[in-house]
Amino acid sequence: MEQQFDAVLTGSDSEVNGIATRLESGAYEFNSLDGSLHLIIARDAEGRWERIAGSEPYFSGWIDELAEQIPKE
């Protein structure tokens, strides 16, 4: 079952509202409501969150912003 939640990232001009979904792999995918931003993050071998795919350009801070909004299990 997919876990979805509302998420907000800080854009260059305003906030970017979207939906984040936990994928079966354990990665998280963010899709903005307006279709302007797509981001997938996952944990690396050391347990740190990293960007594995998404739209360009992107802000590196989005990785931490999205990770902070992931519900604690």
Protein backbone atom coordinates (compact mmCIF):
# COMPACT_ATOMS: atom_id res chain seq x y z
CA MET A 1 0.00 0.00 0.00
CA GLU A 2 1.37 3.41 -0.95
CA GLN A 3 1.82 5.96 1.78
CA GLN A 4 1.01 9.49 0.60
CA PHE A 5 1.15 12.82 2.39
CA ASP A 6 0.98 16.52 1.58
CA ALA A 7 4.39 18.17 1.36
CA VAL A 8 5.66 21.71 0.78
CA LEU A 9 9.09 22.68 -0.57
CA THR A 10 10.57 26.17 -0.71
CA GLY A 11 10.80 27.46 -4.27
CA SER A 12 12.73 30.45 -5.56
CA ASP A 13 9.61 32.66 -5.62
CA SER A 14 7.08 30.87 -3.44
CA GLU A 15 6.26 27.59 -1.76
CA VAL A 16 5.80 24.50 -3.95
CA ASN A 17 2.85 22.40 -2.78
CA GLY A 18 2.65 18.76 -3.71
CA ILE A 19 2.09 15.15 -2.78
CA ALA A 20 4.85 12.85 -1.58
CA THR A 21 4.52 9.10 -2.00
CA ARG A 22 6.54 6.32 -0.40
CA LEU A 23 7.57 3.87 -3.11
CA GLU A 24 7.95 0.12 -2.60
CA SER A 25 11.74 0.56 -2.76
CA GLY A 26 11.64 2.81 0.32
CA ALA A 27 12.34 5.94 -1.76
CA TYR A 28 10.03 8.94 -1.66
CA GLU A 29 8.65 10.70 -4.73
CA PHE A 30 7.43 14.30 -4.63
CA ASN A 31 5.18 15.68 -7.38
CA SER A 32 4.09 19.31 -7.24
CA LEU A 33 0.41 20.03 -7.71
CA ASP A 34 1.15 22.32 -10.67
CA GLY A 35 3.42 19.77 -12.37
CA SER A 36 6.50 22.01 -12.22
CA LEU A 37 8.59 19.85 -9.87
CA HIS A 38 9.35 16.16 -9.56
CA LEU A 39 11.85 14.79 -7.03
CA ILE A 40 12.77 11.29 -5.84
CA ILE A 41 14.95 10.81 -2.76
CA ALA A 42 16.28 7.65 -1.11
CA ARG A 43 18.74 6.73 1.61
CA ASP A 44 22.31 5.95 0.56
CA ALA A 45 24.48 3.17 2.07
CA GLU A 46 25.30 5.40 5.07
CA GLY A 47 21.63 6.21 5.71
CA ARG A 48 21.75 9.79 4.37
CA TRP A 49 19.04 11.06 2.07
CA GLU A 50 20.11 11.73 -1.53
CA ARG A 51 18.41 12.77 -4.77
CA ILE A 52 18.17 9.87 -7.20
CA ALA A 53 15.96 11.45 -9.88
CA GLY A 54 13.82 14.44 -10.68
CA SER A 55 13.33 17.56 -12.69
CA GLU A 56 16.03 20.13 -13.40
CA PRO A 57 16.95 22.58 -12.08
CA TYR A 58 16.49 21.75 -8.43
CA PHE A 59 17.62 23.13 -5.06
CA SER A 60 19.80 20.79 -3.02
CA GLY A 61 17.92 21.95 0.10
CA TRP A 62 14.80 20.20 -1.16
CA ILE A 63 16.30 16.86 -0.19
CA ASP A 64 16.43 17.83 3.49
CA GLU A 65 13.08 19.64 3.35
CA LEU A 66 11.32 16.59 1.98
CA ALA A 67 13.13 14.19 4.35
CA GLU A 68 12.02 16.29 7.35
CA GLN A 69 8.37 15.92 6.29
CA ILE A 70 8.45 12.12 6.03
CA PRO A 71 6.21 10.67 8.74
CA LYS A 72 8.10 8.82 11.46
CA GLU A 73 7.35 5.12 11.50
